[in-house]
Structures are given as C-alpha cells and as structure tokens.
Protein backbone atom coordinates (compact mmCIF):
# COMPACT_ATOMS: atom_id res chain seq x y z
CA UNK A 1 0.00 0.00 0.00
CA UNK A 2 1.33 3.41 -0.98
CA UNK A 3 2.50 5.34 2.06
CA UNK A 4 4.31 8.63 1.39
CA UNK A 5 4.91 9.34 5.06
CA UNK A 6 6.84 6.10 5.57
CA UNK A 7 8.70 6.64 2.32
CA UNK A 8 9.79 10.10 3.46
CA UNK A 9 10.82 8.67 6.83
CA UNK A 10 13.13 6.11 5.23
CA UNK A 11 14.45 8.52 2.61
CA UNK A 12 15.37 10.86 5.45
CA UNK A 13 17.16 8.05 7.28
CA UNK A 14 19.19 7.25 4.17
CA UNK A 15 19.80 10.95 3.41
CA UNK A 16 21.24 11.38 6.91
CA UNK A 17 23.84 8.83 5.79
CA UNK A 18 24.55 10.94 2.68
CA UNK A 19 22.88 8.56 0.23
CA UNK A 20 22.67 10.50 -3.05
CA UNK A 21 19.49 8.87 -4.35
CA UNK A 22 17.69 9.44 -1.04
CA UNK A 23 18.74 13.10 -1.10
CA UNK A 24 17.34 13.40 -4.62
CA UNK A 25 14.06 11.75 -3.60
CA UNK A 26 13.66 14.12 -0.65
CA UNK A 27 14.36 17.05 -2.93
CA UNK A 28 11.75 15.81 -5.39
CA UNK A 29 9.21 15.32 -2.59
CA UNK A 30 9.66 18.79 -1.11
CA UNK A 31 9.96 20.44 -4.50
CA UNK A 32 6.63 18.95 -5.60
CA UNK A 33 4.76 18.67 -2.30
CA UNK A 34 4.56 14.87 -2.38
CA UNK A 35 4.03 13.43 1.09
CA UNK A 36 5.19 16.70 2.64
CA UNK A 37 4.23 20.34 2.48
CA UNK A 38 5.52 22.05 -0.65
CA UNK A 39 8.81 23.79 0.13
CA UNK A 40 10.79 24.86 -2.94
CA UNK A 41 13.79 26.03 -0.94
CA UNK A 42 14.03 22.77 0.98
CA UNK A 43 13.59 20.88 -2.28
CA UNK A 44 16.51 22.81 -3.75
CA UNK A 45 18.66 22.10 -0.68
CA UNK A 46 18.31 18.33 -1.01
CA UNK A 47 18.52 18.39 -4.80
CA UNK A 48 21.79 20.32 -4.85
CA UNK A 49 23.26 18.00 -2.20
CA UNK A 50 22.35 15.03 -4.39
CA UNK A 51 23.81 16.78 -7.46
CA UNK A 52 27.06 17.40 -5.57
CA UNK A 53 27.21 13.63 -5.08
CA UNK A 54 26.90 13.24 -8.85
CA UNK A 55 23.26 12.10 -8.96
CA UNK A 56 22.25 12.66 -12.58
CA UNK A 57 18.52 13.07 -11.85
CA UNK A 58 19.32 15.86 -9.40
CA UNK A 59 21.62 17.59 -11.88
CA UNK A 60 18.79 17.60 -14.42
CA UNK A 61 16.42 19.17 -11.86
CA UNK A 62 18.66 22.10 -10.90
CA UNK A 63 17.97 24.32 -13.96
CA UNK A 64 14.24 24.36 -13.16
CA UNK A 65 15.02 25.55 -9.63
CA UNK A 66 17.23 28.31 -10.98
CA UNK A 67 14.48 29.43 -13.39
CA UNK A 68 12.01 29.59 -10.50
CA UNK A 69 14.38 31.57 -8.26
CA UNK A 70 15.20 34.01 -11.08
CA UNK A 71 11.54 34.59 -11.82
CA UNK A 72 10.80 35.25 -8.14
CA UNK A 73 13.86 37.48 -7.74
CA UNK A 74 12.78 39.63 -10.67
CA UNK A 75 9.44 40.03 -8.91
CA UNK A 76 11.32 41.45 -5.92
CA UNK A 77 11.34 38.39 -3.63
CA UNK A 78 14.47 39.01 -1.57
CA UNK A 79 14.95 35.39 -0.43
CA UNK A 80 14.96 34.33 -4.08
CA UNK A 81 17.74 36.86 -4.77
CA UNK A 82 19.93 34.98 -2.31
CA UNK A 83 19.31 31.70 -4.14
CA UNK A 84 19.88 33.22 -7.59
CA UNK A 85 23.20 34.53 -6.30
CA UNK A 86 24.04 31.12 -4.83
CA UNK A 87 23.25 29.37 -8.12
CA UNK A 88 25.44 31.77 -10.10
CA UNK A 89 28.21 31.47 -7.51
CA UNK A 90 28.30 27.65 -7.44
CA UNK A 91 26.98 26.80 -10.90
CA UNK A 92 23.74 25.20 -9.71
CA UNK A 93 21.54 24.84 -12.79
CA UNK A 94 23.34 27.65 -14.61
CA UNK A 95 26.91 28.40 -15.69
CA UNK A 96 29.01 30.02 -12.99
CA UNK A 97 29.02 33.79 -13.17
CA UNK A 98 30.61 35.47 -10.16
CA UNK A 99 29.74 38.97 -11.34
CA UNK A 100 26.04 38.07 -11.60
CA UNK A 101 26.29 36.32 -8.23
CA UNK A 102 27.70 39.51 -6.71
CA UNK A 103 25.07 41.78 -8.29
CA UNK A 104 22.11 39.69 -7.11
CA UNK A 105 23.64 39.29 -3.64
CA UNK A 106 24.22 43.05 -3.37
CA UNK A 107 20.65 43.69 -4.43
CA UNK A 108 19.34 41.38 -1.69
CA UNK A 109 21.75 42.76 0.90
CA UNK A 110 20.67 46.34 0.25
CA UNK A 111 17.06 45.25 0.78
CA UNK A 112 17.92 43.84 4.20
CA UNK A 113 18.34 40.09 3.63
CA UNK A 114 20.85 38.99 6.29
CA UNK A 115 21.98 35.93 4.33
CA UNK A 116 22.75 38.11 1.32
CA UNK A 117 24.57 40.55 3.58
CA UNK A 118 26.77 37.76 4.97
CA UNK A 119 27.51 36.33 1.52
CA UNK A 120 28.20 39.78 0.12
CA UNK A 121 30.74 40.29 2.90
CA UNK A 122 32.36 36.98 1.96
CA UNK A 123 32.60 38.11 -1.66
CA UNK A 124 34.27 41.37 -0.62
CA UNK A 125 36.58 39.47 1.73
CA UNK A 126 37.66 36.95 -0.91
CA UNK A 127 37.47 39.19 -3.98
CA UNK A 128 34.87 37.05 -5.74
CA UNK A 129 32.92 38.92 -8.42
CA UNK A 130 34.39 42.19 -7.17
CA UNK A 131 37.77 43.56 -6.14
CA UNK A 132 38.75 42.55 -2.62
CA UNK A 133 37.62 45.17 -0.11
CA UNK A 134 38.05 44.30 3.57
CA UNK A 135 36.42 47.53 4.76
CA UNK A 136 33.24 46.67 2.84
CA UNK A 137 33.46 43.08 4.07
CA UNK A 138 33.51 44.24 7.69
CA UNK A 139 30.63 46.64 7.05
CA UNK A 140 28.36 43.91 5.66
CA UNK A 141 29.46 41.27 8.19
CA UNK A 142 28.59 43.68 11.01
CA UNK A 143 25.28 44.65 9.46
CA UNK A 144 24.28 41.00 9.17
CA UNK A 145 25.77 40.04 12.54
CA UNK A 146 24.01 42.83 14.40
CA UNK A 147 20.75 41.66 12.85
CA UNK A 148 21.36 38.27 14.49
CA UNK A 149 22.82 36.24 11.61
CA UNK A 150 24.96 33.67 13.41
CA UNK A 151 27.11 32.87 10.37
CA UNK A 152 28.02 36.53 9.99
CA UNK A 153 28.82 36.71 13.71
CA UNK A 154 31.17 33.78 13.32
CA UNK A 155 32.72 35.11 10.11
CA UNK A 156 33.53 38.56 11.49
CA UNK A 157 34.94 36.95 14.63
CA UNK A 158 37.16 34.73 12.48
CA UNK A 159 38.34 37.76 10.52
CA UNK A 160 39.57 39.45 13.70
CA UNK A 161 40.90 36.14 15.09
CA UNK A 162 43.06 35.43 12.02
CA UNK A 163 43.97 39.03 11.32
CA UNK A 164 43.45 38.60 7.58
CA UNK A 165 43.24 42.07 6.10
CA UNK A 166 42.79 43.61 9.54
CA UNK A 167 44.95 43.70 12.68
CA UNK A 168 44.41 40.77 15.01
CA UNK A 169 41.87 41.81 17.62
CA UNK A 170 41.09 39.04 20.12
CA UNK A 171 38.65 41.25 22.03
CA UNK A 172 36.47 41.69 18.95
CA UNK A 173 36.94 38.01 18.07
CA UNK A 174 35.85 36.96 21.55
CA UNK A 175 32.85 39.28 21.50
CA UNK A 176 31.47 37.91 18.23
CA UNK A 177 32.36 34.27 18.92
CA UNK A 178 30.55 34.62 22.22
CA UNK A 179 27.44 36.06 20.59
CA UNK A 180 27.43 33.23 18.05
CA UNK A 181 27.95 30.68 20.82
CA UNK A 182 24.91 32.02 22.66
CA UNK A 183 22.90 31.09 19.57
CA UNK A 184 24.34 27.58 19.76
CA UNK A 185 26.78 27.86 16.83
CA UNK A 186 29.09 24.90 17.39
CA UNK A 187 32.18 26.23 15.61
CA UNK A 188 32.03 29.42 17.69
CA UNK A 189 31.88 27.37 20.88
CA UNK A 190 35.01 25.51 19.73
CA UNK A 191 36.77 28.81 19.07
CA UNK A 192 36.01 30.01 22.59
CA UNK A 193 37.63 26.81 23.78
CA UNK A 194 40.70 27.63 21.68
CA UNK A 195 40.80 31.20 23.01
CA UNK A 196 40.90 30.04 26.62
CA UNK A 197 43.24 27.13 25.81
CA UNK A 198 45.85 29.46 24.29
CA UNK A 199 45.08 32.57 26.33
CA UNK A 200 44.32 34.72 23.30
CA UNK A 201 43.21 38.07 24.72
CA UNK A 202 42.11 36.40 27.96
CA UNK A 203 43.80 34.81 30.96
CA UNK A 204 44.70 31.26 29.93
CA UNK A 205 42.21 28.93 31.55
CA UNK A 206 42.27 25.20 30.69
CA UNK A 207 39.16 24.55 32.77
CA UNK A 208 37.15 27.04 30.72
CA UNK A 209 38.65 25.61 27.52
CA UNK A 210 37.52 22.12 28.57
CA UNK A 211 34.09 23.50 29.46
CA UNK A 212 33.63 24.93 25.98
CA UNK A 213 35.06 21.87 24.25
CA UNK A 214 32.68 19.61 26.17
CA UNK A 215 29.75 21.84 25.28
CA UNK A 216 30.69 21.64 21.59
CA UNK A 217 31.32 17.90 21.89
CA UNK A 218 27.76 17.45 23.15
CA UNK A 219 26.66 19.06 19.88
CA UNK A 220 28.70 16.52 17.92
CA UNK A 221 31.81 18.55 17.08
CA UNK A 222 34.63 16.22 16.04
CA UNK A 223 37.13 19.02 16.60
CA UNK A 224 35.99 19.46 20.20
CA UNK A 225 35.94 15.71 20.87
CA UNK A 226 39.45 15.42 19.44
CA UNK A 227 40.67 18.42 21.47
CA UNK A 228 39.42 16.88 24.72
CA UNK A 229 41.34 13.73 23.85
CA UNK A 230 44.45 15.82 23.23
CA UNK A 231 44.17 17.43 26.66
CA UNK A 232 43.92 14.06 28.39
CA UNK A 233 46.77 12.65 26.25
CA UNK A 234 49.11 15.51 27.19
CA UNK A 235 47.79 16.12 30.70
CA UNK A 236 46.90 19.73 29.98
CA UNK A 237 44.41 21.06 32.52
CA UNK A 238 43.55 17.51 33.56
CA UNK A 239 45.43 14.51 34.90
CA UNK A 240 47.16 12.69 32.06
CA UNK A 241 45.15 9.63 31.09
CA UNK A 242 45.95 7.84 27.83
CA UNK A 243 42.97 5.52 28.01
CA UNK A 244 40.49 8.36 28.45
CA UNK A 245 42.20 10.24 25.60
CA UNK A 246 41.87 7.32 23.21
CA UNK A 247 38.29 6.71 24.32
CA UNK A 248 37.48 10.28 23.32
CA UNK A 249 39.21 9.91 19.95
CA UNK A 250 37.20 6.80 19.19
CA UNK A 251 34.07 8.94 19.54
CA UNK A 252 35.06 11.10 16.54
CA UNK A 253 33.16 10.33 13.37
CA UNK A 254 34.72 7.81 11.02
CA UNK A 255 35.68 10.45 8.44
CA UNK A 256 37.50 12.74 10.91
CA UNK A 257 41.06 12.26 9.70
CA UNK A 258 43.16 13.56 12.66
CA UNK A 259 41.92 10.80 14.97
CA UNK A 260 43.33 8.04 12.76
CA UNK A 261 46.96 9.02 13.35
CA UNK A 262 46.49 9.50 17.08
CA UNK A 263 44.76 6.16 17.54
CA UNK A 264 47.45 4.48 15.44
CA UNK A 265 50.18 5.89 17.70
CA UNK A 266 48.28 4.72 20.78
CA UNK A 267 48.30 1.14 19.45
CA UNK A 268 51.96 1.40 18.40
CA UNK A 269 53.21 2.76 21.71
CA UNK A 270 50.84 0.84 23.96
CA UNK A 271 49.36 3.99 25.45
CA UNK A 272 45.71 3.76 26.37
CA UNK A 273 45.55 0.43 24.56
CA UNK A 274 47.69 -2.70 24.81
CA UNK A 275 50.41 -2.51 22.17
CA UNK A 276 49.20 -4.17 18.98
CA UNK A 277 51.11 -3.78 15.69
CA UNK A 278 48.26 -5.18 13.62
CA UNK A 279 45.87 -2.54 14.93
CA UNK A 280 48.54 0.11 14.40
CA UNK A 281 48.93 -0.91 10.77
CA UNK A 282 45.19 -0.76 10.20
CA UNK A 283 44.84 2.72 11.66
CA UNK A 284 47.94 4.20 10.04
CA UNK A 285 46.77 2.88 6.66
CA UNK A 286 43.49 4.78 7.14
CA UNK A 287 45.53 7.97 7.22
CA UNK A 288 46.28 7.46 3.52
CA UNK A 289 43.75 4.99 2.10
CA UNK A 290 40.81 7.22 2.94
CA UNK A 291 38.91 10.11 1.37
CA UNK A 292 39.94 12.32 4.30
CA UNK A 293 43.68 11.89 4.67
CA UNK A 294 45.95 12.71 7.61
CA UNK A 295 49.23 14.40 6.72
CA UNK A 296 50.98 13.25 9.90
CA UNK A 297 49.82 9.69 9.33
CA UNK A 298 50.87 9.69 5.69
CA UNK A 299 54.38 10.78 6.60
CA UNK A 300 54.57 8.04 9.23
CA UNK A 301 53.31 5.41 6.80
CA UNK A 302 55.75 6.55 4.12
CA UNK A 303 58.67 6.10 6.53
CA UNK A 304 57.34 2.71 7.66
CA UNK A 305 57.26 1.52 4.04
CA UNK A 306 60.64 3.01 3.14
CA UNK A 307 62.39 1.52 6.17
CA UNK A 308 60.37 -1.68 6.53
CA UNK A 309 59.39 -0.99 10.14
CA UNK A 310 56.40 -1.19 12.48
CA UNK A 311 54.92 -4.28 10.87
CA UNK A 312 55.38 -3.13 7.27
CA UNK A 313 57.63 -4.80 4.74
CA UNK A 314 60.04 -2.52 2.90
CA UNK A 315 58.39 -1.16 -0.25
CA UNK A 316 59.95 1.92 -1.79
CA UNK A 317 57.40 2.15 -4.60
CA UNK A 318 54.57 2.40 -2.08
CA UNK A 319 56.58 4.81 0.07
CA UNK A 320 56.95 7.16 -2.89
CA UNK A 321 53.23 6.86 -3.71
CA UNK A 322 52.33 7.92 -0.18
CA UNK A 323 54.77 10.83 0.05
CA UNK A 324 53.79 12.06 -3.43
CA UNK A 325 50.17 12.14 -2.26
CA UNK A 326 51.31 14.16 0.77
CA UNK A 327 53.05 16.62 -1.56
CA UNK A 328 49.89 16.92 -3.65
CA UNK A 329 47.95 17.69 -0.46
CA UNK A 330 50.35 20.45 0.59
CA UNK A 331 52.86 21.51 -2.09
CA UNK A 332 54.29 24.16 0.26
CA UNK A 333 55.26 21.82 3.11
CA UNK A 334 59.08 21.54 3.04
CA UNK A 335 59.04 18.42 5.20
CA UNK A 336 57.35 16.42 2.45
CA UNK A 337 60.11 17.21 -0.05
CA UNK A 338 62.75 16.55 2.59
CA UNK A 339 61.19 13.13 3.20
CA UNK A 340 61.08 12.34 -0.52
CA UNK A 341 64.70 13.42 -0.84
CA UNK A 342 65.65 11.14 2.03
CA UNK A 343 64.00 8.23 0.25
CA UNK A 344 66.09 9.01 -2.83
CA UNK A 345 69.21 9.08 -0.63
CA UNK A 346 68.37 5.59 0.68
CA UNK A 347 68.48 4.42 -2.91
CA UNK A 348 71.75 6.25 -3.54
CA UNK A 349 70.12 8.60 -6.04
CA UNK A 350 72.14 11.71 -5.27
CA UNK A 351 70.89 13.93 -8.12
CA UNK A 352 67.24 13.32 -7.25
CA UNK A 353 67.95 13.77 -3.53
CA UNK A 354 69.70 17.08 -4.16
CA UNK A 355 66.79 18.27 -6.31
CA UNK A 356 64.48 17.73 -3.33
CA UNK A 357 66.99 19.44 -1.00
CA UNK A 358 67.02 22.50 -3.27
CA UNK A 359 63.22 22.46 -3.41
CA UNK A 360 63.09 22.58 0.38
CA UNK A 361 65.49 25.53 0.47
CA UNK A 362 63.42 27.40 -2.12
CA UNK A 363 60.28 27.00 -0.01
CA UNK A 364 61.89 27.75 3.35
CA UNK A 365 65.56 28.88 3.37
CA UNK A 366 65.72 28.51 7.16
CA UNK A 367 64.43 24.92 7.19
CA UNK A 368 67.84 23.24 7.40
CA UNK A 369 69.07 25.74 9.97
CA UNK A 370 66.31 24.58 12.28
CA UNK A 371 66.15 20.90 11.29
CA UNK A 372 69.23 18.69 11.00
CA UNK A 373 67.52 16.10 8.81
CA UNK A 374 68.85 12.87 7.31
CA UNK A 375 68.63 14.35 3.82
CA UNK A 376 70.61 17.42 4.83
CA UNK A 377 73.33 15.25 6.39
CA UNK A 378 73.38 13.10 3.26
CA UNK A 379 73.80 16.09 0.92
CA UNK A 380 76.57 17.61 3.05
CA UNK A 381 78.40 14.30 3.23
CA UNK A 382 78.02 13.65 -0.50
CA UNK A 383 79.27 17.13 -1.39
CA UNK A 384 82.37 16.56 0.70
C-alpha cells in the first residue's frame, strides 16, 4: 500500500547517511509537495546536495530551480535573490558567473536580507565577483551580525581572530564568537575553547577551555571531541590519562582524519591500549587509504614503508606513492620534499635527492638551519 509518510521517513534516514538517491528523492518530494508540504527552498537544498554527489537526476532538476528563483527574484522576492546569487556562484543549474552572483547578492543585501549581507561580505573578503575590499566586508558582516545572523557573527569573529586584512583583535573576536555561541553555533563554541586554551586576549584557563570543548562535543563537534582527547593525552588542565584520551578519539566520526593518526600511535606505543602492531597498521593505513587523509599519518606510513618498520615490509614504490600524495595535499610543506629526498638518498640517487633538497630551500631557506635532517646530512656528506 502506498505510504508517502513512511517513504519520506526512510528517505530521510538514508539521506542522513549521505545517500545521493535518497537526497534526490527528498528534494523531489519537497519540490513537488509529495508526502510533505511544498517547500521549494528545501527541495533545492536536497537536490543540490544530491547533485554534488553526482546524482544525474538531481543535476537535471537544478535548472528548473534556478528558473524559479530568477523569476521570483525579478518580482522582488528578496529570499529568491539569495538563491539566484548562490546558483550563479556555485553553478547550480546555470553556468558560474561570479559577477552576476555579486550583483544579485548586493541587491538582496541592500534590501535587508541577512543571508545576502553575509555572503556579500564573503565576496568582498575573498574578492569574488568584485575587487577585494576588507572595509566593505567588515561593514556587511557587522550589518548581518548585528541583525542576528549567526554565520556573519562567526565570520567577522574569524576575521579578527586570524587578522586577515585587519589587525588581530582578540577582544572583537571573543565578543562575536561569544554572541554566536549564545545562539548555539558549534564552531564558535570551539573557538572560545581555543581562546581560553591558548590565552588569546584572555587569561589562559584550561578549565574554561575544557568546558567549551565539552559543550561543543555534546553538539557533535569532532574538533571538540578530538581536542578533549588531546588534553587528556598531554595532561593539559587535567590529569594525564591515555585511556580516556583514546576513548574520546574513538568517539570522533569515522571520516575525521586527525583521529586516525592518534589512535594508530596509541596502538603502536601501547598507550591507552595494549600494544598491537596489527591494529597500528590498520589505523595508520586509514591515514592514507581514505577520502579524508591525515598528513601526519601519511608521513609516518611513508617512513614505515621506506624503512620496513612497524609491521610493514620494505616497499619503496609504495613509500613514494604515499609521500607524493602528501606533496599533492600540501605543495608548500618543506618536510614532504625533505622526506622524498631522504628516500632518494636511501636508494643512492644523489641527483634526485639534491633536487628535493634545493626544493626545500626554495620554499623555506631557514628549514635546514632549524632541522638537521637525514637528507641534509646526506647532501653535506656527499658534497664533501
């Protein structure tokens, strides 16, 4: 017997697990009012999420959403202006056009739409569709933030926290992070934890940092859960307890990359878990053989393969594959090139090793003054 309500229930369950077809079906249901109240904006949300996961049906639906938003925006519907801008910005159902995205966003912002105001500020901040203008970015962030837009509150706080385009101002950062945290914005709560952890503009207070991290952890923040584990692992603000640390790390979601390296090290060193090389190998492999990779773990795995240690047989081909992936992830990290050069030195390939050594020096001339690495020793010895 046909039952739309049960169908929606199960589609939602599958969509919560990021199933592309279920996301498309929810989008179709909301976009057409089948089994649920008609909600074009919600329909678009699920449809674009499905399209981002390469669902062809969803991709074919997006142009009709864009046409609807454009028609409504031309009629003066401010919310639709935001979605027209979003479609132009991301290429949802229409070719990307950052200038058009900016113009529609500015139109909506000037008419008081707080989401448009926040996005307009982002465009000014990043120079998308318009020349970069930090003063204008701050103006629109503040306008949106003061109207209660939590994303704008977080974004302006982050601007002052990072000091990108403006002087670092931890007082302003704290003020806006706090306002966003009062509205339950998880990332802002994490930032308050960081502020107290490091003592940025406040008296350093590990207890307050833990308080904020635990609050964010209760809201499901992997970063907060991981940070609590770090504090127990290092004994910062709490009594050192490896087992509790690892227990916290195991609570991170499966795709949170930083936990994989930490858990691997716990198994390798027998801290918080009984030493187990097989478990170590499984967790360190996840650092590389995973959609969300861990740079620290990849470097460790590359060395394991190059040296044939920690339960891994020596395999230089695999070691190079791993370190090359690390370089692709961060082409400006001198340590990756130093590691690759060291692998060449193991093979006696001086020319290739020296090429990597020179690459490191071009990225960071002070690197070898601060790090007496195996590659550096090899090059100096070979030159002599």
